[in-house]
Amino acid sequence: MIRVLENRDLEDENDAKLWYMWAYQYVRNDGKGFYYSKVGDRAWVELHDINQPIVQVEVKQDDNGIYYGWINSFERHPKMIWISKVQFELCFPYGYELEEKHGKGRMVRLSIREIV
């Protein structure tokens, strides 16, 4: 699970949620840009001790985003973020749809960009 302690919830004019977190930055295999992994608070990211740069990122709820996140029903920020739907779905043995149906949370699509 991703713990988010340093986030600041904001709402923009489109009512999209924004969270400020930390992540490891990886160069994409095609060399065109970056992707982000182990997104959360700084302590969570450092815990993984991966030899990649740690950067501050803006995580935004975005229906066209390439990341998949889970927001528990009792929280306001993503607790888990994956770059692929396959990785995301592996976290739910009976499917995330069943968890949504039981009111435990919801899947959200996200975009992530580095804050420079």
C-alpha atoms as a PDB file:
ATOM      1  CA  MET A   1       0.000   0.000   0.000  1.00  0.00           C
ATOM      2  CA  ILE A   2       1.082   3.560  -0.666  1.00  0.00           C
ATOM      3  CA  ARG A   3       1.043   5.874   2.332  1.00  0.00           C
ATOM      4  CA  VAL A   4       0.577   9.568   1.606  1.00  0.00           C
ATOM      5  CA  LEU A   5       1.443  11.867   4.483  1.00  0.00           C
ATOM      6  CA  GLU A   6       2.744  14.978   2.737  1.00  0.00           C
ATOM      7  CA  ASN A   7      -0.060  15.521   0.257  1.00  0.00           C
ATOM      8  CA  ARG A   8      -2.005  18.748  -0.138  1.00  0.00           C
ATOM      9  CA  ASP A   9      -5.484  18.226  -1.535  1.00  0.00           C
ATOM     10  CA  LEU A  10      -6.583  20.917  -3.974  1.00  0.00           C
ATOM     11  CA  GLU A  11      -9.434  21.292  -6.401  1.00  0.00           C
ATOM     12  CA  ASP A  12      -9.051  23.135  -9.691  1.00  0.00           C
ATOM     13  CA  GLU A  13     -11.781  24.747 -11.762  1.00  0.00           C
ATOM     14  CA  ASN A  14     -12.631  21.366 -13.333  1.00  0.00           C
ATOM     15  CA  ASP A  15     -13.119  19.777  -9.894  1.00  0.00           C
ATOM     16  CA  ALA A  16     -10.133  17.482 -10.561  1.00  0.00           C
ATOM     17  CA  LYS A  17      -8.204  16.327  -7.541  1.00  0.00           C
ATOM     18  CA  LEU A  18      -4.500  17.080  -7.197  1.00  0.00           C
ATOM     19  CA  TRP A  19      -2.045  15.542  -4.777  1.00  0.00           C
ATOM     20  CA  TYR A  20       1.632  16.340  -4.257  1.00  0.00           C
ATOM     21  CA  MET A  21       3.736  13.258  -3.599  1.00  0.00           C
ATOM     22  CA  TRP A  22       7.176  11.729  -4.218  1.00  0.00           C
ATOM     23  CA  ALA A  23       8.197   9.006  -6.681  1.00  0.00           C
ATOM     24  CA  TYR A  24      11.110   7.243  -8.310  1.00  0.00           C
ATOM     25  CA  GLN A  25      11.741   8.544 -11.807  1.00  0.00           C
ATOM     26  CA  TYR A  26      12.599   6.030 -14.530  1.00  0.00           C
ATOM     27  CA  VAL A  27      13.591   6.627 -18.157  1.00  0.00           C
ATOM     28  CA  ARG A  28      11.083   4.948 -20.449  1.00  0.00           C
ATOM     29  CA  ASN A  29      12.344   1.987 -22.504  1.00  0.00           C
ATOM     30  CA  ASP A  30      11.860   3.965 -25.717  1.00  0.00           C
ATOM     31  CA  GLY A  31      13.973   6.801 -24.273  1.00  0.00           C
ATOM     32  CA  LYS A  32      11.124   9.292 -24.742  1.00  0.00           C
ATOM     33  CA  GLY A  33      10.425  10.747 -21.339  1.00  0.00           C
ATOM     34  CA  PHE A  34       9.938   9.250 -17.925  1.00  0.00           C
ATOM     35  CA  TYR A  35       7.541   7.203 -15.874  1.00  0.00           C
ATOM     36  CA  TYR A  36       7.098   7.157 -12.115  1.00  0.00           C
ATOM     37  CA  SER A  37       6.948   4.318  -9.613  1.00  0.00           C
ATOM     38  CA  LYS A  38       6.523   3.803  -5.859  1.00  0.00           C
ATOM     39  CA  VAL A  39       4.456   6.993  -5.609  1.00  0.00           C
ATOM     40  CA  GLY A  40       3.632   8.242  -2.098  1.00  0.00           C
ATOM     41  CA  ASP A  41       5.200  10.135   0.764  1.00  0.00           C
ATOM     42  CA  ARG A  42       8.981  10.516   0.792  1.00  0.00           C
ATOM     43  CA  ALA A  43       9.528   7.942   3.550  1.00  0.00           C
ATOM     44  CA  TRP A  44       7.548   5.332   1.575  1.00  0.00           C
ATOM     45  CA  VAL A  45       9.605   5.973  -1.566  1.00  0.00           C
ATOM     46  CA  GLU A  46      12.957   5.890   0.257  1.00  0.00           C
ATOM     47  CA  LEU A  47      11.983   2.635   1.962  1.00  0.00           C
ATOM     48  CA  HIS A  48      12.420   0.817  -1.373  1.00  0.00           C
ATOM     49  CA  ASP A  49      16.086   1.903  -1.677  1.00  0.00           C
ATOM     50  CA  ILE A  50      16.092   1.849  -5.491  1.00  0.00           C
ATOM     51  CA  ASN A  51      19.002   3.391  -7.386  1.00  0.00           C
ATOM     52  CA  GLN A  52      16.848   5.927  -9.281  1.00  0.00           C
ATOM     53  CA  PRO A  53      16.246   9.649  -8.728  1.00  0.00           C
ATOM     54  CA  ILE A  54      13.473  10.580  -6.277  1.00  0.00           C
ATOM     55  CA  VAL A  55      11.423  13.538  -7.495  1.00  0.00           C
ATOM     56  CA  GLN A  56       8.402  15.449  -6.245  1.00  0.00           C
ATOM     57  CA  VAL A  57       5.379  14.834  -8.464  1.00  0.00           C
ATOM     58  CA  GLU A  58       1.900  16.158  -9.017  1.00  0.00           C
ATOM     59  CA  VAL A  59      -0.684  13.385  -9.186  1.00  0.00           C
ATOM     60  CA  LYS A  60      -3.928  14.425 -10.853  1.00  0.00           C
ATOM     61  CA  GLN A  61      -7.191  12.570 -11.288  1.00  0.00           C
ATOM     62  CA  ASP A  62      -7.497  12.330 -15.069  1.00  0.00           C
ATOM     63  CA  ASP A  63      -9.862  10.061 -17.028  1.00  0.00           C
ATOM     64  CA  ASN A  64      -7.214   9.841 -19.772  1.00  0.00           C
ATOM     65  CA  GLY A  65      -4.275   9.258 -17.419  1.00  0.00           C
ATOM     66  CA  ILE A  66      -2.040   6.219 -17.903  1.00  0.00           C
ATOM     67  CA  TYR A  67      -1.787   5.377 -14.172  1.00  0.00           C
ATOM     68  CA  TYR A  68      -4.334   3.431 -12.120  1.00  0.00           C
ATOM     69  CA  GLY A  69      -4.984   4.352  -8.506  1.00  0.00           C
ATOM     70  CA  TRP A  70      -7.180   3.221  -5.636  1.00  0.00           C
ATOM     71  CA  ILE A  71      -8.884   5.610  -3.216  1.00  0.00           C
ATOM     72  CA  ASN A  72     -10.315   3.964  -0.095  1.00  0.00           C
ATOM     73  CA  SER A  73     -13.870   5.022   0.729  1.00  0.00           C
ATOM     74  CA  PHE A  74     -12.717   6.643   4.006  1.00  0.00           C
ATOM     75  CA  GLU A  75      -9.835   8.656   2.508  1.00  0.00           C
ATOM     76  CA  ARG A  76      -9.357  11.492   0.030  1.00  0.00           C
ATOM     77  CA  HIS A  77      -6.134  10.463  -1.700  1.00  0.00           C
ATOM     78  CA  PRO A  78      -4.824   7.460  -3.655  1.00  0.00           C
ATOM     79  CA  LYS A  79      -3.348   4.736  -1.466  1.00  0.00           C
ATOM     80  CA  MET A  80      -2.000   2.652  -4.314  1.00  0.00           C
ATOM     81  CA  ILE A  81      -0.800   3.705  -7.782  1.00  0.00           C
ATOM     82  CA  TRP A  82       0.369   1.498 -10.660  1.00  0.00           C
ATOM     83  CA  ILE A  83       1.451   2.293 -14.207  1.00  0.00           C
ATOM     84  CA  SER A  84      -0.481  -0.605 -15.741  1.00  0.00           C
ATOM     85  CA  LYS A  85      -3.953  -1.987 -15.258  1.00  0.00           C
ATOM     86  CA  VAL A  86      -2.547  -5.521 -15.004  1.00  0.00           C
ATOM     87  CA  GLN A  87      -0.364  -4.570 -12.020  1.00  0.00           C
ATOM     88  CA  PHE A  88      -3.279  -2.705 -10.449  1.00  0.00           C
ATOM     89  CA  GLU A  89      -5.701  -5.616 -10.868  1.00  0.00           C
ATOM     90  CA  LEU A  90      -3.228  -8.078  -9.297  1.00  0.00           C
ATOM     91  CA  CYS A  91      -3.864  -6.306  -5.975  1.00  0.00           C
ATOM     92  CA  PHE A  92      -7.516  -7.419  -5.984  1.00  0.00           C
ATOM     93  CA  PRO A  93      -7.885 -11.227  -6.090  1.00  0.00           C
ATOM     94  CA  TYR A  94     -11.619 -10.984  -6.867  1.00  0.00           C
ATOM     95  CA  GLY A  95     -11.357  -7.839  -8.982  1.00  0.00           C
ATOM     96  CA  TYR A  96     -11.486  -4.178  -8.010  1.00  0.00           C
ATOM     97  CA  GLU A  97     -15.054  -3.979  -9.328  1.00  0.00           C
ATOM     98  CA  LEU A  98     -16.233  -6.200  -6.462  1.00  0.00           C
ATOM     99  CA  GLU A  99     -14.454  -3.959  -3.951  1.00  0.00           C
ATOM    100  CA  GLU A 100     -16.181  -0.935  -5.505  1.00  0.00           C
ATOM    101  CA  LYS A 101     -19.535  -2.727  -5.374  1.00  0.00           C
ATOM    102  CA  HIS A 102     -19.031  -3.359  -1.636  1.00  0.00           C
ATOM    103  CA  GLY A 103     -18.248   0.332  -1.083  1.00  0.00           C
ATOM    104  CA  LYS A 104     -14.616  -0.168  -0.070  1.00  0.00           C
ATOM    105  CA  GLY A 105     -13.240   2.415  -2.480  1.00  0.00           C
ATOM    106  CA  ARG A 106     -12.882   3.288  -6.125  1.00  0.00           C
ATOM    107  CA  MET A 107     -10.442   2.990  -8.971  1.00  0.00           C
ATOM    108  CA  VAL A 108      -9.288   6.275 -10.502  1.00  0.00           C
ATOM    109  CA  ARG A 109      -7.218   7.040 -13.562  1.00  0.00           C
ATOM    110  CA  LEU A 110      -4.321   9.372 -12.863  1.00  0.00           C
ATOM    111  CA  SER A 111      -1.681  11.409 -14.620  1.00  0.00           C
ATOM    112  CA  ILE A 112       1.644  12.136 -12.959  1.00  0.00           C
ATOM    113  CA  ARG A 113       4.171  14.833 -13.773  1.00  0.00           C
ATOM    114  CA  GLU A 114       7.356  15.992 -12.116  1.00  0.00           C
ATOM    115  CA  ILE A 115       7.248  19.307 -10.290  1.00  0.00           C
ATOM    116  CA  VAL A 116      10.223  21.357 -11.424  1.00  0.00           C
END
